[in-house]
Amino acid sequence: MVEDKPISEDTEIIDSTKIGYCKYGSGPNSVLCICGAVGSYKKDWPSSLLKHFDPDLVTLVCIDPPGYGTSRPPDRVQEVNRCMKDAGYCLKLMEASFCIRSPWLFSLTERLEIIFKKLELIPFTVMGWSEGARTAIHVAGQGKKEKVTLKHIQHISSHLSSKNFL
């Protein structure tokens, strides 16, 4: 276990919604970790777990979906397509996280191009726990192979069809 590497915490505004996340490591292999229902990254992906990863090999980004953990207020809206909607926030966070803090200098497209080249958080592996595993499936489906290289899902109960993976 690595003790001396810090875990940074921050928020980003994505589609007018505050999204909280933490980042650990600076390695070449990017991994997005998604918490389960009524969870948070602090509960489902605690620092004691993250520090078992080699920070020189991986960059772990743990997200709190809208309405959970540090992505409040507002509280979670429980709707049928919430995991599909959360996938969009996840992809945008991995594309634009740690964004240039002077957004008025660049268009969104220019900022994303700069971030892609600078951070290289894409492609990434996505891991989901419980409801986060359902979101991970949508992230993989929406992100396609050029963005999401591996999927790891844990404790999922969901109906899947071939259209989820096309």
C-alpha atoms as a PDB file:
ATOM      1  CA  MET A   1       0.000   0.000   0.000  1.00  0.00           C
ATOM      2  CA  VAL A   2       1.288   3.451  -0.967  1.00  0.00           C
ATOM      3  CA  GLU A   3       0.895   6.002   1.823  1.00  0.00           C
ATOM      4  CA  ASP A   4       2.645   9.148   0.569  1.00  0.00           C
ATOM      5  CA  LYS A   5       0.670   9.919  -2.614  1.00  0.00           C
ATOM      6  CA  PRO A   6      -2.185  12.386  -2.045  1.00  0.00           C
ATOM      7  CA  ILE A   7      -5.756  11.976  -3.219  1.00  0.00           C
ATOM      8  CA  SER A   8      -7.028  15.223  -4.709  1.00  0.00           C
ATOM      9  CA  GLU A   9     -10.706  16.164  -4.542  1.00  0.00           C
ATOM     10  CA  ASP A  10     -12.478  18.699  -6.710  1.00  0.00           C
ATOM     11  CA  THR A  11     -15.716  19.514  -8.497  1.00  0.00           C
ATOM     12  CA  GLU A  12     -16.440  20.379 -12.112  1.00  0.00           C
ATOM     13  CA  ILE A  13     -19.529  21.967 -13.603  1.00  0.00           C
ATOM     14  CA  ILE A  14     -20.747  19.667 -16.367  1.00  0.00           C
ATOM     15  CA  ASP A  15     -23.946  20.596 -18.202  1.00  0.00           C
ATOM     16  CA  SER A  16     -24.818  23.076 -15.414  1.00  0.00           C
ATOM     17  CA  THR A  17     -24.499  20.336 -12.768  1.00  0.00           C
ATOM     18  CA  LYS A  18     -21.880  20.181 -10.018  1.00  0.00           C
ATOM     19  CA  ILE A  19     -19.985  16.889 -10.270  1.00  0.00           C
ATOM     20  CA  GLY A  20     -17.656  15.889  -7.437  1.00  0.00           C
ATOM     21  CA  TYR A  21     -14.730  13.554  -7.945  1.00  0.00           C
ATOM     22  CA  CYS A  22     -11.381  12.527  -6.560  1.00  0.00           C
ATOM     23  CA  LYS A  23      -8.176  11.666  -8.387  1.00  0.00           C
ATOM     24  CA  TYR A  24      -5.355   9.410  -7.259  1.00  0.00           C
ATOM     25  CA  GLY A  25      -2.151   8.650  -9.115  1.00  0.00           C
ATOM     26  CA  SER A  26      -0.672   9.928 -12.343  1.00  0.00           C
ATOM     27  CA  GLY A  27       0.059   6.757 -14.258  1.00  0.00           C
ATOM     28  CA  PRO A  28      -0.579   6.066 -17.946  1.00  0.00           C
ATOM     29  CA  ASN A  29      -3.590   3.781 -17.326  1.00  0.00           C
ATOM     30  CA  SER A  30      -6.719   5.836 -16.607  1.00  0.00           C
ATOM     31  CA  VAL A  31      -9.517   4.210 -14.610  1.00  0.00           C
ATOM     32  CA  LEU A  32     -12.948   5.690 -13.882  1.00  0.00           C
ATOM     33  CA  CYS A  33     -14.610   4.321 -10.714  1.00  0.00           C
ATOM     34  CA  ILE A  34     -18.387   4.757 -10.332  1.00  0.00           C
ATOM     35  CA  CYS A  35     -20.148   4.346  -6.973  1.00  0.00           C
ATOM     36  CA  GLY A  36     -23.353   2.437  -6.346  1.00  0.00           C
ATOM     37  CA  ALA A  37     -26.843   3.662  -5.479  1.00  0.00           C
ATOM     38  CA  VAL A  38     -27.044   6.023  -2.501  1.00  0.00           C
ATOM     39  CA  GLY A  39     -23.280   5.738  -2.281  1.00  0.00           C
ATOM     40  CA  SER A  40     -20.375   8.063  -2.807  1.00  0.00           C
ATOM     41  CA  TYR A  41     -16.786   7.649  -3.885  1.00  0.00           C
ATOM     42  CA  LYS A  42     -15.671   8.133  -0.276  1.00  0.00           C
ATOM     43  CA  LYS A  43     -17.781   5.147   0.793  1.00  0.00           C
ATOM     44  CA  ASP A  44     -17.540   2.821  -2.219  1.00  0.00           C
ATOM     45  CA  TRP A  45     -13.976   3.689  -3.297  1.00  0.00           C
ATOM     46  CA  PRO A  46     -12.276   4.655   0.007  1.00  0.00           C
ATOM     47  CA  SER A  47      -8.698   5.892   0.167  1.00  0.00           C
ATOM     48  CA  SER A  48      -7.692   2.622   1.851  1.00  0.00           C
ATOM     49  CA  LEU A  49      -8.684   0.837  -1.379  1.00  0.00           C
ATOM     50  CA  LEU A  50      -7.275   3.392  -3.829  1.00  0.00           C
ATOM     51  CA  LYS A  51      -3.867   3.343  -2.174  1.00  0.00           C
ATOM     52  CA  HIS A  52      -3.489  -0.348  -3.016  1.00  0.00           C
ATOM     53  CA  PHE A  53      -2.986   0.724  -6.643  1.00  0.00           C
ATOM     54  CA  ASP A  54       0.445   1.830  -7.857  1.00  0.00           C
ATOM     55  CA  PRO A  55       0.076   5.596  -8.506  1.00  0.00           C
ATOM     56  CA  ASP A  56       2.844   5.454 -11.103  1.00  0.00           C
ATOM     57  CA  LEU A  57       0.869   2.905 -13.140  1.00  0.00           C
ATOM     58  CA  VAL A  58      -2.703   4.202 -12.849  1.00  0.00           C
ATOM     59  CA  THR A  59      -4.679   7.422 -12.671  1.00  0.00           C
ATOM     60  CA  LEU A  60      -7.869   6.666 -10.751  1.00  0.00           C
ATOM     61  CA  VAL A  61     -10.807   9.061 -11.061  1.00  0.00           C
ATOM     62  CA  CYS A  62     -13.766   8.347  -8.746  1.00  0.00           C
ATOM     63  CA  ILE A  63     -17.004  10.169  -9.524  1.00  0.00           C
ATOM     64  CA  ASP A  64     -20.059  11.006  -7.450  1.00  0.00           C
ATOM     65  CA  PRO A  65     -22.998  10.972  -9.888  1.00  0.00           C
ATOM     66  CA  PRO A  66     -25.458  13.884  -9.674  1.00  0.00           C
ATOM     67  CA  GLY A  67     -27.205  13.987  -6.304  1.00  0.00           C
ATOM     68  CA  TYR A  68     -24.748  11.678  -4.513  1.00  0.00           C
ATOM     69  CA  GLY A  69     -21.883  12.503  -2.156  1.00  0.00           C
ATOM     70  CA  THR A  70     -19.997  15.642  -3.172  1.00  0.00           C
ATOM     71  CA  SER A  71     -22.267  16.172  -6.210  1.00  0.00           C
ATOM     72  CA  ARG A  72     -24.968  17.670  -3.974  1.00  0.00           C
ATOM     73  CA  PRO A  73     -27.010  19.804  -3.857  1.00  0.00           C
ATOM     74  CA  PRO A  74     -29.422  19.021  -5.370  1.00  0.00           C
ATOM     75  CA  ASP A  75     -30.395  15.593  -4.065  1.00  0.00           C
ATOM     76  CA  ARG A  76     -30.625  12.651  -6.447  1.00  0.00           C
ATOM     77  CA  VAL A  77     -33.600  12.496  -8.797  1.00  0.00           C
ATOM     78  CA  GLN A  78     -34.588   8.839  -9.096  1.00  0.00           C
ATOM     79  CA  GLU A  79     -35.674   8.364 -12.691  1.00  0.00           C
ATOM     80  CA  VAL A  80     -35.754   5.385 -15.024  1.00  0.00           C
ATOM     81  CA  ASN A  81     -32.871   6.483 -17.279  1.00  0.00           C
ATOM     82  CA  ARG A  82     -30.614   7.823 -14.508  1.00  0.00           C
ATOM     83  CA  CYS A  83     -27.728   5.444 -15.271  1.00  0.00           C
ATOM     84  CA  MET A  84     -27.838   6.331 -18.964  1.00  0.00           C
ATOM     85  CA  LYS A  85     -27.791  10.043 -18.067  1.00  0.00           C
ATOM     86  CA  ASP A  86     -24.971   9.508 -15.551  1.00  0.00           C
ATOM     87  CA  ALA A  87     -22.870   7.935 -18.316  1.00  0.00           C
ATOM     88  CA  GLY A  88     -22.797  11.279 -20.119  1.00  0.00           C
ATOM     89  CA  TYR A  89     -21.441  13.005 -17.008  1.00  0.00           C
ATOM     90  CA  CYS A  90     -18.827  10.267 -16.615  1.00  0.00           C
ATOM     91  CA  LEU A  91     -17.588  10.596 -20.189  1.00  0.00           C
ATOM     92  CA  LYS A  92     -17.483  14.380 -20.027  1.00  0.00           C
ATOM     93  CA  LEU A  93     -15.576  14.246 -16.740  1.00  0.00           C
ATOM     94  CA  MET A  94     -12.940  11.941 -18.224  1.00  0.00           C
ATOM     95  CA  GLU A  95     -12.746  14.123 -21.329  1.00  0.00           C
ATOM     96  CA  ALA A  96     -12.695  17.477 -19.576  1.00  0.00           C
ATOM     97  CA  SER A  97     -11.716  16.864 -15.961  1.00  0.00           C
ATOM     98  CA  PHE A  98      -8.984  19.038 -14.553  1.00  0.00           C
ATOM     99  CA  CYS A  99     -10.072  21.583 -17.155  1.00  0.00           C
ATOM    100  CA  ILE A 100      -8.375  24.844 -17.910  1.00  0.00           C
ATOM    101  CA  ARG A 101      -9.668  27.243 -15.267  1.00  0.00           C
ATOM    102  CA  SER A 102     -10.030  30.135 -17.749  1.00  0.00           C
ATOM    103  CA  PRO A 103     -12.966  28.952 -19.863  1.00  0.00           C
ATOM    104  CA  TRP A 104     -13.548  32.354 -21.442  1.00  0.00           C
ATOM    105  CA  LEU A 105     -10.215  32.056 -23.297  1.00  0.00           C
ATOM    106  CA  PHE A 106     -11.185  28.951 -25.284  1.00  0.00           C
ATOM    107  CA  SER A 107     -14.290  27.373 -26.763  1.00  0.00           C
ATOM    108  CA  LEU A 108     -15.395  24.063 -25.254  1.00  0.00           C
ATOM    109  CA  THR A 109     -14.084  22.221 -28.316  1.00  0.00           C
ATOM    110  CA  GLU A 110     -10.664  23.881 -28.005  1.00  0.00           C
ATOM    111  CA  ARG A 111     -10.509  23.091 -24.273  1.00  0.00           C
ATOM    112  CA  LEU A 112     -11.363  19.445 -24.901  1.00  0.00           C
ATOM    113  CA  GLU A 113      -8.701  19.158 -27.612  1.00  0.00           C
ATOM    114  CA  ILE A 114      -6.092  20.658 -25.263  1.00  0.00           C
ATOM    115  CA  ILE A 115      -7.134  18.345 -22.444  1.00  0.00           C
ATOM    116  CA  PHE A 116      -7.135  15.234 -24.649  1.00  0.00           C
ATOM    117  CA  LYS A 117      -3.576  15.963 -25.722  1.00  0.00           C
ATOM    118  CA  LYS A 118      -2.324  17.069 -22.314  1.00  0.00           C
ATOM    119  CA  LEU A 119      -3.964  14.621 -19.902  1.00  0.00           C
ATOM    120  CA  GLU A 120      -4.427  11.524 -22.008  1.00  0.00           C
ATOM    121  CA  LEU A 121      -7.227  10.257 -19.750  1.00  0.00           C
ATOM    122  CA  ILE A 122      -8.791   8.687 -22.807  1.00  0.00           C
ATOM    123  CA  PRO A 123      -8.894   5.809 -23.453  1.00  0.00           C
ATOM    124  CA  PHE A 124      -9.796   4.569 -19.976  1.00  0.00           C
ATOM    125  CA  THR A 125     -11.077   1.555 -18.083  1.00  0.00           C
ATOM    126  CA  VAL A 126     -14.427   1.900 -16.327  1.00  0.00           C
ATOM    127  CA  MET A 127     -15.283   0.108 -13.065  1.00  0.00           C
ATOM    128  CA  GLY A 128     -18.717   0.200 -11.501  1.00  0.00           C
ATOM    129  CA  TRP A 129     -20.155  -1.062  -8.240  1.00  0.00           C
ATOM    130  CA  SER A 130     -23.864  -1.990  -7.964  1.00  0.00           C
ATOM    131  CA  GLU A 131     -25.853   0.760  -9.735  1.00  0.00           C
ATOM    132  CA  GLY A 132     -22.485   2.168 -10.819  1.00  0.00           C
ATOM    133  CA  ALA A 133     -21.995  -1.066 -12.776  1.00  0.00           C
ATOM    134  CA  ARG A 134     -25.163  -0.289 -14.714  1.00  0.00           C
ATOM    135  CA  THR A 135     -23.797   3.173 -15.419  1.00  0.00           C
ATOM    136  CA  ALA A 136     -20.461   1.602 -16.466  1.00  0.00           C
ATOM    137  CA  ILE A 137     -22.266  -0.400 -19.144  1.00  0.00           C
ATOM    138  CA  HIS A 138     -23.756   2.817 -20.533  1.00  0.00           C
ATOM    139  CA  VAL A 139     -20.359   4.560 -20.356  1.00  0.00           C
ATOM    140  CA  ALA A 140     -18.855   1.745 -22.416  1.00  0.00           C
ATOM    141  CA  GLY A 141     -21.738   1.846 -24.892  1.00  0.00           C
ATOM    142  CA  GLN A 142     -21.695   5.622 -25.307  1.00  0.00           C
ATOM    143  CA  GLY A 143     -17.908   5.934 -25.246  1.00  0.00           C
ATOM    144  CA  LYS A 144     -17.260   3.136 -27.743  1.00  0.00           C
ATOM    145  CA  LYS A 145     -13.899   1.392 -28.087  1.00  0.00           C
ATOM    146  CA  GLU A 146     -11.883   4.527 -28.835  1.00  0.00           C
ATOM    147  CA  LYS A 147     -12.700   5.896 -25.363  1.00  0.00           C
ATOM    148  CA  VAL A 148     -13.386   2.875 -23.141  1.00  0.00           C
ATOM    149  CA  THR A 149     -10.931   0.001 -23.393  1.00  0.00           C
ATOM    150  CA  LEU A 150     -12.014  -2.276 -20.530  1.00  0.00           C
ATOM    151  CA  LYS A 151     -15.132  -2.700 -18.421  1.00  0.00           C
ATOM    152  CA  HIS A 152     -15.239  -4.181 -14.930  1.00  0.00           C
ATOM    153  CA  ILE A 153     -18.618  -4.467 -13.276  1.00  0.00           C
ATOM    154  CA  GLN A 154     -19.431  -5.759  -9.792  1.00  0.00           C
ATOM    155  CA  HIS A 155     -22.736  -6.854  -8.253  1.00  0.00           C
ATOM    156  CA  ILE A 156     -25.053  -5.869 -11.063  1.00  0.00           C
ATOM    157  CA  SER A 157     -28.667  -6.777 -11.689  1.00  0.00           C
ATOM    158  CA  SER A 158     -29.752  -5.549 -15.082  1.00  0.00           C
ATOM    159  CA  HIS A 159     -31.223  -6.600 -18.417  1.00  0.00           C
ATOM    160  CA  LEU A 160     -28.735  -6.359 -21.276  1.00  0.00           C
ATOM    161  CA  SER A 161     -29.363  -6.594 -24.983  1.00  0.00           C
ATOM    162  CA  SER A 162     -27.041  -6.508 -27.974  1.00  0.00           C
ATOM    163  CA  LYS A 163     -27.967  -2.864 -28.675  1.00  0.00           C
ATOM    164  CA  ASN A 164     -26.141  -1.859 -25.456  1.00  0.00           C
ATOM    165  CA  PHE A 165     -22.860  -2.901 -27.036  1.00  0.00           C
ATOM    166  CA  LEU A 166     -23.172  -1.779 -30.657  1.00  0.00           C
END
